[in-house]
Amino acid sequence: MHLAFLTSEYPHPRTGPAAGIGTSIKNMAEAMAEKDIRISVFIYGQHENDIFTEGGIKFHLIRQQKFRFLGWYLHRKFLQNYLNKYIAVDCIDALEAPDWTGITAFMSLRCPLVIRMNGSDTYFCHLEKRPQKKKNFWFEKMALHGAEHLLSVSRFTAEETKRLFGVRREINIIPNSIDAKTFQSKTQEYTPNRILYFGSIIRKKGVLELPGIFQEVLKKAPEAELVLVGKDVKDRNTGRSTKELMEKEFSPEALKRVKWRGPMPYDRVLKEIAQAHVVVLPSFAEALPMTWIEAMAMEKALVTSDIGWAKEVMIDGETGFTVDPKEHEQYAAKILRLLKDPSLTKKMGKAARERVLEKFSTEVVVEKNITFYEGVVSGQRTEDGI
């Protein structure tokens, strides 16, 4: 079986920055290659054209094309022709693409097309209650309706996508995975009363609720500190730095207990996670939050949001707590409970890692993907869908 992935991002020294989708593709591609499945990865929007093989994976770097007119259409037809050439030459059995921006709209491919839902622009605009460009909705709808098979990383994302786009076909549910061997704490030692947030400093991740929550924590635990790790992002609503918006909401006393770490290499992020007493991730918009799963794998008790997808990742009261981030007193109360009870923190952390090993580890998820794709290639229907 030969599978291919079409993506604009992939973590590799020769490509540009990669976020969650690229990392998820990398995890799956490498795991499948280890199972002796032929893998090709087509990375468009690059600065150069090249083809090379590394770690059993054939990479295609596709340089960004420029068109004077109808670029949105001609770019997709260019990619279609490039893909079809190698579908024929390399005998590719199926190709996967993301739902974001509907890159496969207008394409006619010579093998089955699978779209994996990591959250479309339409989906996130809906969750964030912000306007969307009509063309983005159109592209994404055309791409979804043009795919032979649909996958989603969470049931919540599948259900919302079905409703938003009027999809009537089956959507299979297979979560993204992480390498549980990489994400494991090498020490049980942590810094008492240290609260950690890691990820982009951006409104949709719930960070603007953290000043109010943290100030509630300080009323009963004045020794607590809040550490924030991640890149500051310009706020969509105001055009200002999200960090600046947050700083305005902290009292002068609370701001003294806040440490801004900024973006850092992931090996250092892992050390920050290991040092945390409690991890807080109050996001308002996710498909399947990988930061949650990474922290859980490192045996950290979490306090997260309670929206939609949360119940597919967390078990409230067992792996941590799920709370509405806008309820500052309630959210702070759960943090305080963990800060005051180290034995509960340890117990929840262990339960969190067990859940990751059972549901999100690469060893488990790769087998689900292989079974799914065997069904795609053979033309059989698969189970575990909606």
Protein backbone atom coordinates (compact mmCIF):
# COMPACT_ATOMS: atom_id res chain seq x y z
CA MET A 1 0.00 0.00 0.00
CA HIS A 2 1.29 3.44 -0.97
CA LEU A 3 -0.27 6.45 0.80
CA ALA A 4 0.36 10.13 0.18
CA PHE A 5 -0.24 13.32 2.15
CA LEU A 6 -0.77 16.80 0.73
CA THR A 7 0.13 19.59 3.13
CA SER A 8 1.44 23.15 3.31
CA GLU A 9 3.43 22.42 6.48
CA TYR A 10 5.68 19.67 7.77
CA PRO A 11 8.36 19.78 10.51
CA HIS A 12 11.62 19.44 8.60
CA PRO A 13 14.80 21.55 8.40
CA ARG A 14 14.15 22.24 4.70
CA THR A 15 10.56 23.45 5.08
CA GLY A 16 8.99 26.47 6.73
CA PRO A 17 7.39 26.62 10.20
CA ALA A 18 4.95 23.85 11.07
CA ALA A 19 2.04 23.86 13.48
CA GLY A 20 -0.22 21.10 14.75
CA ILE A 21 -1.37 19.72 11.40
CA GLY A 22 2.18 19.30 10.12
CA THR A 23 3.29 17.60 13.33
CA SER A 24 0.32 15.23 13.19
CA ILE A 25 1.11 14.28 9.60
CA LYS A 26 4.75 13.70 10.52
CA ASN A 27 3.81 11.42 13.44
CA MET A 28 1.50 9.36 11.26
CA ALA A 29 3.78 9.23 8.21
CA GLU A 30 6.78 8.04 10.23
CA ALA A 31 4.73 5.46 12.14
CA MET A 32 3.27 4.06 8.93
CA ALA A 33 6.67 3.98 7.24
CA GLU A 34 7.94 1.87 10.15
CA LYS A 35 5.12 -0.57 9.32
CA ASP A 36 6.58 -0.92 5.79
CA ILE A 37 3.84 1.16 4.18
CA ARG A 38 5.12 3.34 1.33
CA ILE A 39 4.63 7.01 2.15
CA SER A 40 4.91 10.15 0.01
CA VAL A 41 4.50 13.66 1.39
CA PHE A 42 3.74 16.55 -0.98
CA ILE A 43 4.56 19.90 0.68
CA TYR A 44 3.40 22.89 -1.35
CA GLY A 45 4.12 26.60 -0.88
CA GLN A 46 7.87 26.01 -0.60
CA HIS A 47 10.84 28.12 -1.76
CA GLU A 48 12.26 25.37 -3.96
CA ASN A 49 11.38 22.30 -5.98
CA ASP A 50 13.00 19.06 -4.89
CA ILE A 51 12.33 15.37 -4.39
CA PHE A 52 14.24 13.32 -1.84
CA THR A 53 13.77 10.25 0.34
CA GLU A 54 14.48 10.24 4.06
CA GLY A 55 13.52 7.71 6.74
CA GLY A 56 11.56 5.65 4.26
CA ILE A 57 9.40 8.66 3.23
CA LYS A 58 9.51 10.26 -0.21
CA PHE A 59 9.28 14.05 0.07
CA HIS A 60 8.15 16.42 -2.67
CA LEU A 61 8.96 20.08 -2.05
CA ILE A 62 6.73 22.10 -4.38
CA ARG A 63 7.67 25.72 -4.98
CA GLN A 64 4.97 28.34 -4.58
CA GLN A 65 3.54 29.29 -7.96
CA LYS A 66 2.56 32.83 -8.96
CA PHE A 67 -0.34 33.57 -11.28
CA ARG A 68 -1.52 36.99 -12.43
CA PHE A 69 -5.19 36.01 -12.59
CA LEU A 70 -7.37 33.32 -11.00
CA GLY A 71 -4.50 32.18 -8.80
CA TRP A 72 -6.87 30.38 -6.41
CA TYR A 73 -8.00 28.16 -9.32
CA LEU A 74 -4.80 27.79 -11.34
CA HIS A 75 -2.75 26.96 -8.22
CA ARG A 76 -5.09 24.07 -7.42
CA LYS A 77 -5.01 22.80 -11.02
CA PHE A 78 -1.22 22.99 -10.99
CA LEU A 79 -1.12 20.87 -7.83
CA GLN A 80 -3.68 18.48 -9.32
CA ASN A 81 -1.50 17.84 -12.38
CA TYR A 82 1.63 17.43 -10.27
CA LEU A 83 -0.12 14.97 -7.96
CA ASN A 84 -1.67 12.97 -10.78
CA LYS A 85 1.75 12.55 -12.41
CA TYR A 86 3.20 10.89 -9.31
CA ILE A 87 0.00 9.03 -8.48
CA ALA A 88 0.56 7.25 -11.80
CA VAL A 89 4.36 6.99 -11.69
CA ASP A 90 4.59 5.80 -8.06
CA CYS A 91 1.31 3.84 -7.97
CA ILE A 92 -0.14 5.84 -5.06
CA ASP A 93 -3.26 4.12 -3.69
CA ALA A 94 -4.81 7.02 -1.75
CA LEU A 95 -4.08 10.66 -0.94
CA GLU A 96 -4.96 12.59 2.23
CA ALA A 97 -5.41 16.35 2.50
CA PRO A 98 -6.54 18.66 5.33
CA ASP A 99 -9.87 20.47 5.43
CA TRP A 100 -8.24 23.87 6.10
CA THR A 101 -8.95 26.32 3.19
CA GLY A 102 -10.18 23.49 0.92
CA ILE A 103 -6.95 23.05 -1.03
CA THR A 104 -8.41 20.11 -3.04
CA ALA A 105 -11.41 22.09 -4.33
CA PHE A 106 -11.54 21.84 -8.18
CA MET A 107 -9.12 18.90 -8.17
CA SER A 108 -9.81 15.64 -9.99
CA LEU A 109 -7.35 13.04 -8.74
CA ARG A 110 -6.50 9.59 -10.07
CA CYS A 111 -6.78 7.90 -6.68
CA PRO A 112 -9.21 8.08 -3.74
CA LEU A 113 -9.06 11.39 -1.85
CA VAL A 114 -9.37 11.44 1.94
CA ILE A 115 -9.90 14.70 3.82
CA ARG A 116 -8.95 14.68 7.50
CA MET A 117 -10.71 17.30 9.59
CA ASN A 118 -8.34 19.10 11.93
CA GLY A 119 -10.68 22.07 11.91
CA SER A 120 -11.54 24.14 8.85
CA ASP A 121 -11.54 27.93 8.68
CA THR A 122 -15.34 27.71 8.73
CA TYR A 123 -15.26 25.58 11.87
CA PHE A 124 -12.94 27.93 13.77
CA CYS A 125 -14.79 31.05 12.63
CA HIS A 126 -17.95 29.46 14.00
CA LEU A 127 -16.37 28.61 17.37
CA GLU A 128 -14.75 32.04 17.68
CA LYS A 129 -17.91 33.83 16.46
CA ARG A 130 -15.97 35.85 13.90
CA PRO A 131 -16.79 36.60 10.24
CA GLN A 132 -15.38 34.43 7.48
CA LYS A 133 -14.47 35.17 3.88
CA LYS A 134 -17.16 33.66 1.66
CA LYS A 135 -14.60 32.19 -0.72
CA ASN A 136 -13.00 30.19 2.11
CA PHE A 137 -16.36 28.64 2.99
CA TRP A 138 -16.95 27.86 -0.69
CA PHE A 139 -13.54 26.24 -1.18
CA GLU A 140 -13.87 24.14 1.96
CA LYS A 141 -17.38 23.00 1.09
CA MET A 142 -16.36 22.02 -2.45
CA ALA A 143 -13.34 20.11 -1.14
CA LEU A 144 -15.38 18.17 1.43
CA HIS A 145 -18.12 17.26 -1.03
CA GLY A 146 -15.51 16.25 -3.61
CA ALA A 147 -13.64 13.80 -1.37
CA GLU A 148 -14.40 10.09 -1.49
CA HIS A 149 -13.70 9.60 2.23
CA LEU A 150 -13.87 11.83 5.30
CA LEU A 151 -11.97 11.55 8.57
CA SER A 152 -12.12 13.70 11.69
CA VAL A 153 -9.77 13.95 14.66
CA SER A 154 -12.72 14.29 17.06
CA ARG A 155 -16.42 13.46 17.09
CA PHE A 156 -17.28 17.03 18.06
CA THR A 157 -15.43 18.40 15.02
CA ALA A 158 -17.17 15.87 12.77
CA GLU A 159 -20.61 16.76 14.06
CA GLU A 160 -20.04 20.51 13.77
CA THR A 161 -18.54 20.14 10.29
CA LYS A 162 -21.49 18.04 9.14
CA ARG A 163 -23.89 20.72 10.32
CA LEU A 164 -21.94 23.71 8.97
CA PHE A 165 -21.43 22.26 5.48
CA GLY A 166 -24.52 20.08 5.14
CA VAL A 167 -22.43 16.91 4.85
CA ARG A 168 -24.61 13.80 4.79
CA ARG A 169 -21.94 11.13 4.34
CA GLU A 170 -20.19 9.08 6.99
CA ILE A 171 -17.23 10.68 8.77
CA ASN A 172 -14.80 8.30 10.45
CA ILE A 173 -13.24 9.33 13.76
CA ILE A 174 -9.52 8.75 14.33
CA PRO A 175 -7.67 11.07 16.73
CA ASN A 176 -4.23 12.47 16.12
CA SER A 177 -1.45 10.77 18.04
CA ILE A 178 1.72 11.57 19.94
CA ASP A 179 4.89 9.63 20.65
CA ALA A 180 4.34 8.79 24.31
CA LYS A 181 8.04 7.92 24.64
CA THR A 182 9.00 11.50 23.79
CA PHE A 183 6.37 13.05 26.02
CA GLN A 184 7.14 11.55 29.38
CA SER A 185 8.44 13.18 32.51
CA LYS A 186 11.95 12.07 33.43
CA THR A 187 11.46 13.28 36.97
CA GLN A 188 8.59 13.47 39.43
CA GLU A 189 10.01 16.68 40.87
CA TYR A 190 8.19 19.91 40.09
CA THR A 191 8.13 23.49 41.35
CA PRO A 192 5.33 23.78 43.95
CA ASN A 193 2.62 26.34 43.16
CA ARG A 194 3.84 26.85 39.59
CA ILE A 195 0.96 27.16 37.12
CA LEU A 196 1.88 26.73 33.45
CA TYR A 197 0.21 27.77 30.23
CA PHE A 198 1.96 26.79 26.99
CA GLY A 199 0.89 27.43 23.42
CA SER A 200 0.24 30.51 21.32
CA ILE A 201 -0.61 33.64 23.26
CA ILE A 202 -3.85 34.21 21.35
CA ARG A 203 -7.45 35.02 22.20
CA LYS A 204 -8.96 31.74 20.96
CA LYS A 205 -6.79 29.79 23.41
CA GLY A 206 -8.56 31.48 26.33
CA VAL A 207 -5.50 33.37 27.55
CA LEU A 208 -7.46 36.59 28.10
CA GLU A 209 -9.31 34.77 30.89
CA LEU A 210 -6.08 33.92 32.70
CA PRO A 211 -5.58 37.30 34.43
CA GLY A 212 -8.98 37.06 36.13
CA ILE A 213 -8.46 33.39 37.00
CA PHE A 214 -4.94 33.89 38.35
CA GLN A 215 -5.97 36.82 40.53
CA GLU A 216 -8.64 34.59 42.10
CA VAL A 217 -5.93 31.98 42.78
CA LEU A 218 -3.69 34.56 44.46
CA LYS A 219 -6.41 35.46 46.98
CA LYS A 220 -5.90 32.05 48.63
CA ALA A 221 -2.44 31.10 47.38
CA PRO A 222 -0.32 34.29 47.26
CA GLU A 223 2.80 32.17 46.70
CA ALA A 224 1.49 30.89 43.33
CA GLU A 225 3.19 31.90 40.09
CA LEU A 226 1.96 31.82 36.50
CA VAL A 227 4.39 30.90 33.72
CA LEU A 228 3.44 31.49 30.09
CA VAL A 229 5.34 29.82 27.24
CA GLY A 230 4.57 30.61 23.62
CA LYS A 231 4.57 33.15 20.83
CA ASP A 232 2.68 36.40 21.29
CA VAL A 233 0.10 36.79 18.49
CA LYS A 234 -1.51 40.01 17.31
CA ASP A 235 -5.14 40.04 18.48
CA ARG A 236 -7.71 39.79 15.67
CA ASN A 237 -10.24 42.01 17.43
CA THR A 238 -7.99 44.91 18.40
CA GLY A 239 -4.87 44.57 16.25
CA ARG A 240 -2.78 44.78 19.42
CA SER A 241 -0.39 42.36 21.07
CA THR A 242 -2.33 39.73 23.03
CA LYS A 243 0.36 39.86 25.71
CA GLU A 244 -0.22 43.59 26.12
CA LEU A 245 -3.97 43.02 26.43
CA MET A 246 -3.33 40.45 29.15
CA GLU A 247 -0.89 42.66 31.05
CA LYS A 248 -3.52 45.39 31.31
CA GLU A 249 -5.85 42.95 33.10
CA PHE A 250 -3.37 41.85 35.77
CA SER A 251 -3.16 43.89 38.94
CA PRO A 252 0.34 45.26 39.65
CA GLU A 253 0.72 42.72 42.47
CA ALA A 254 -0.39 39.81 40.26
CA LEU A 255 1.89 40.90 37.41
CA LYS A 256 4.87 40.44 39.73
CA ARG A 257 3.93 36.74 39.97
CA VAL A 258 3.76 36.28 36.17
CA LYS A 259 6.72 35.03 34.12
CA TRP A 260 6.70 35.43 30.34
CA ARG A 261 8.97 32.86 28.75
CA GLY A 262 8.10 33.59 25.11
CA PRO A 263 8.59 31.02 22.32
CA MET A 264 11.25 28.38 22.88
CA PRO A 265 12.53 25.11 21.34
CA TYR A 266 10.35 22.16 22.17
CA ASP A 267 12.97 20.41 24.29
CA ARG A 268 12.83 23.43 26.60
CA VAL A 269 9.03 23.43 26.50
CA LEU A 270 9.14 19.84 27.77
CA LYS A 271 11.28 20.97 30.70
CA GLU A 272 8.77 23.72 31.49
CA ILE A 273 5.94 21.18 31.47
CA ALA A 274 7.93 18.89 33.76
CA GLN A 275 8.50 21.75 36.22
CA ALA A 276 4.81 22.71 36.39
CA HIS A 277 2.65 21.86 39.39
CA VAL A 278 -0.57 22.41 37.41
CA VAL A 279 -1.11 23.04 33.68
CA VAL A 280 -3.93 25.37 32.60
CA LEU A 281 -5.27 25.28 29.03
CA PRO A 282 -8.54 27.26 28.87
CA SER A 283 -9.05 27.13 25.08
CA PHE A 284 -12.25 28.20 23.33
CA ALA A 285 -11.47 26.78 19.88
CA GLU A 286 -9.92 23.39 19.13
CA ALA A 287 -10.48 20.31 17.01
CA LEU A 288 -8.28 18.01 19.09
CA PRO A 289 -5.93 19.98 21.39
CA MET A 290 -2.49 18.41 21.16
CA THR A 291 -1.11 20.58 23.98
CA TRP A 292 -3.61 18.93 26.31
CA ILE A 293 -2.52 15.46 25.23
CA GLU A 294 1.18 16.32 25.50
CA ALA A 295 0.78 17.61 29.06
CA MET A 296 -1.31 14.56 29.99
CA ALA A 297 1.38 12.26 28.59
CA MET A 298 3.86 13.95 30.93
CA GLU A 299 1.67 13.06 33.91
CA LYS A 300 0.40 16.57 34.53
CA ALA A 301 -2.99 17.26 36.08
CA LEU A 302 -4.78 19.78 33.88
CA VAL A 303 -7.47 22.37 34.31
CA THR A 304 -8.96 22.91 30.85
CA SER A 305 -12.05 24.33 29.23
CA ASP A 306 -15.20 22.21 29.10
CA ILE A 307 -16.26 22.90 25.51
CA GLY A 308 -17.32 20.25 22.99
CA TRP A 309 -14.15 18.30 22.33
CA ALA A 310 -13.04 18.35 26.00
CA LYS A 311 -14.88 15.17 26.98
CA GLU A 312 -13.12 13.29 24.17
CA VAL A 313 -9.73 14.11 25.70
CA MET A 314 -10.24 14.71 29.41
CA ILE A 315 -12.19 12.80 32.05
CA ASP A 316 -13.41 15.49 34.43
CA GLY A 317 -12.39 14.69 38.00
CA GLU A 318 -10.04 11.89 36.90
CA THR A 319 -7.37 13.31 34.54
CA GLY A 320 -7.88 16.83 35.85
CA PHE A 321 -10.80 19.26 35.72
CA THR A 322 -12.84 20.78 32.90
CA VAL A 323 -14.36 24.20 33.62
CA ASP A 324 -15.89 27.10 31.70
CA PRO A 325 -12.94 29.54 31.47
CA LYS A 326 -15.28 32.50 31.85
CA GLU A 327 -16.22 31.27 35.34
CA HIS A 328 -13.08 32.64 36.96
CA GLU A 329 -13.88 31.69 40.56
CA GLN A 330 -14.79 28.10 39.62
CA TYR A 331 -11.73 27.74 37.42
CA ALA A 332 -9.47 29.12 40.14
CA ALA A 333 -11.06 26.79 42.71
CA LYS A 334 -10.00 23.74 40.67
CA ILE A 335 -6.44 25.06 40.35
CA LEU A 336 -6.31 25.70 44.09
CA ARG A 337 -7.55 22.22 44.85
CA LEU A 338 -4.63 20.76 42.91
CA LEU A 339 -2.09 23.17 44.39
CA LYS A 340 -3.20 22.30 47.92
CA ASP A 341 -3.34 18.53 47.38
CA PRO A 342 -0.12 17.10 45.84
CA SER A 343 -1.39 13.53 46.20
CA LEU A 344 -4.46 14.36 44.08
CA THR A 345 -2.23 16.09 41.53
CA LYS A 346 -0.03 12.99 41.28
CA LYS A 347 -3.02 10.65 41.04
CA MET A 348 -4.63 12.69 38.26
CA GLY A 349 -1.34 12.99 36.42
CA LYS A 350 -0.92 9.22 36.33
CA ALA A 351 -4.52 8.78 35.17
CA ALA A 352 -3.89 11.36 32.46
CA ARG A 353 -0.90 9.46 31.05
CA GLU A 354 -2.82 6.18 31.16
CA ARG A 355 -5.57 7.77 29.06
CA VAL A 356 -3.01 8.97 26.51
CA LEU A 357 -1.44 5.51 26.26
CA GLU A 358 -4.88 3.96 25.80
CA LYS A 359 -6.33 6.40 23.28
CA PHE A 360 -3.75 8.75 21.75
CA SER A 361 -0.41 6.93 21.59
CA THR A 362 1.08 6.40 18.14
CA GLU A 363 1.10 2.62 18.62
CA VAL A 364 -2.69 2.59 19.04
CA VAL A 365 -3.64 5.25 16.51
CA VAL A 366 -1.43 4.01 13.66
CA GLU A 367 -3.26 0.68 13.63
CA LYS A 368 -6.60 2.49 13.32
CA ASN A 369 -5.24 4.49 10.39
CA ILE A 370 -3.89 1.39 8.66
CA THR A 371 -7.23 -0.39 9.03
CA PHE A 372 -9.05 2.66 7.69
CA TYR A 373 -6.78 2.99 4.65
CA GLU A 374 -6.95 -0.72 3.88
CA GLY A 375 -10.70 -0.21 3.64
CA VAL A 376 -10.23 2.83 1.40
CA VAL A 377 -7.90 0.98 -0.96
CA SER A 378 -10.09 -2.14 -1.09
CA GLY A 379 -13.27 -0.10 -1.47
CA GLN A 380 -14.82 -1.42 1.75
CA ARG A 381 -16.67 0.71 4.30
CA THR A 382 -15.10 1.20 7.70
CA GLU A 383 -16.58 1.44 11.17
CA ASP A 384 -16.31 3.94 14.03
CA GLY A 385 -17.88 6.86 12.19
CA ILE A 386 -20.90 9.15 12.39
